[in-house]
Amino acid sequence: MTVVVRIVWFIAIGWWLGLVWFAVSILACLTAIWYNVGLFMAVNTPSVMTRKKPMREIVDDVRRVR
């Protein structure tokens, strides 16, 4: 994804979606059943806000190129 698309995403949608996403992750962490889902959501909040690929996908892309 290009940097321009990521910037537009963050300005238009990402900042408020990230706040909602993180709030839901905190609520999920408060329950025993949804704790793991809440941790996953909390860790991936920056990816939701900026539409950046997780590092493991970037590493996989580099390995495919080689």
Protein backbone atom coordinates (compact mmCIF):
# COMPACT_ATOMS: atom_id res chain seq x y z
CA MET A 1 0.00 0.00 0.00
CA THR A 2 1.31 3.41 -0.82
CA VAL A 3 2.14 5.99 1.79
CA VAL A 4 -0.46 8.42 0.42
CA VAL A 5 -3.27 5.87 0.79
CA ARG A 6 -2.16 5.10 4.34
CA ILE A 7 -2.10 8.80 5.25
CA VAL A 8 -5.59 9.36 3.82
CA TRP A 9 -6.83 6.25 5.64
CA PHE A 10 -5.45 7.49 8.95
CA ILE A 11 -6.92 10.99 8.58
CA ALA A 12 -10.34 9.84 7.36
CA ILE A 13 -10.92 6.61 9.24
CA GLY A 14 -7.91 5.27 11.13
CA TRP A 15 -7.75 7.58 14.14
CA TRP A 16 -11.32 7.00 15.32
CA LEU A 17 -11.43 3.33 14.25
CA GLY A 18 -8.21 2.75 16.20
CA LEU A 19 -9.73 4.28 19.32
CA VAL A 20 -12.85 2.12 19.04
CA TRP A 21 -10.75 -0.98 18.23
CA PHE A 22 -8.53 -0.42 21.29
CA ALA A 23 -11.52 0.24 23.58
CA VAL A 24 -13.12 -3.04 22.46
CA SER A 25 -9.81 -4.83 23.04
CA ILE A 26 -9.67 -3.49 26.61
CA LEU A 27 -13.22 -4.70 27.24
CA ALA A 28 -12.35 -8.11 25.80
CA CYS A 29 -9.30 -8.34 28.06
CA LEU A 30 -11.54 -7.87 31.09
CA THR A 31 -13.24 -11.20 30.44
CA ALA A 32 -11.62 -14.58 30.87
CA ILE A 33 -13.09 -16.02 27.68
CA TRP A 34 -12.11 -13.17 25.31
CA TYR A 35 -8.72 -12.36 26.91
CA ASN A 36 -6.62 -13.75 24.04
CA VAL A 37 -8.73 -11.96 21.44
CA GLY A 38 -8.34 -8.73 23.38
CA LEU A 39 -4.57 -9.10 23.47
CA PHE A 40 -4.48 -9.78 19.74
CA MET A 41 -6.59 -6.70 19.08
CA ALA A 42 -4.47 -4.50 21.35
CA VAL A 43 -1.23 -5.59 19.68
CA ASN A 44 -2.67 -4.98 16.19
CA THR A 45 -4.14 -1.54 16.91
CA PRO A 46 -1.40 0.32 14.98
CA SER A 47 -2.03 -1.90 11.95
CA VAL A 48 -5.73 -1.05 12.04
CA MET A 49 -5.01 2.66 12.35
CA THR A 50 -2.47 2.90 9.53
CA ARG A 51 -3.23 -0.17 7.37
CA LYS A 52 0.40 -1.24 7.70
CA LYS A 53 1.23 -4.88 7.13
CA PRO A 54 2.38 -6.81 10.19
CA MET A 55 6.14 -7.42 10.23
CA ARG A 56 5.75 -11.15 9.62
CA GLU A 57 4.01 -10.46 6.28
CA ILE A 58 6.80 -8.10 5.24
CA VAL A 59 9.40 -10.74 6.06
CA ASP A 60 7.43 -13.35 4.06
CA ASP A 61 7.29 -10.97 1.07
CA VAL A 62 11.07 -10.48 1.22
CA ARG A 63 11.62 -14.24 1.40
CA ARG A 64 9.43 -14.76 -1.69
CA VAL A 65 11.45 -12.21 -3.67
CA ARG A 66 14.71 -14.03 -2.92
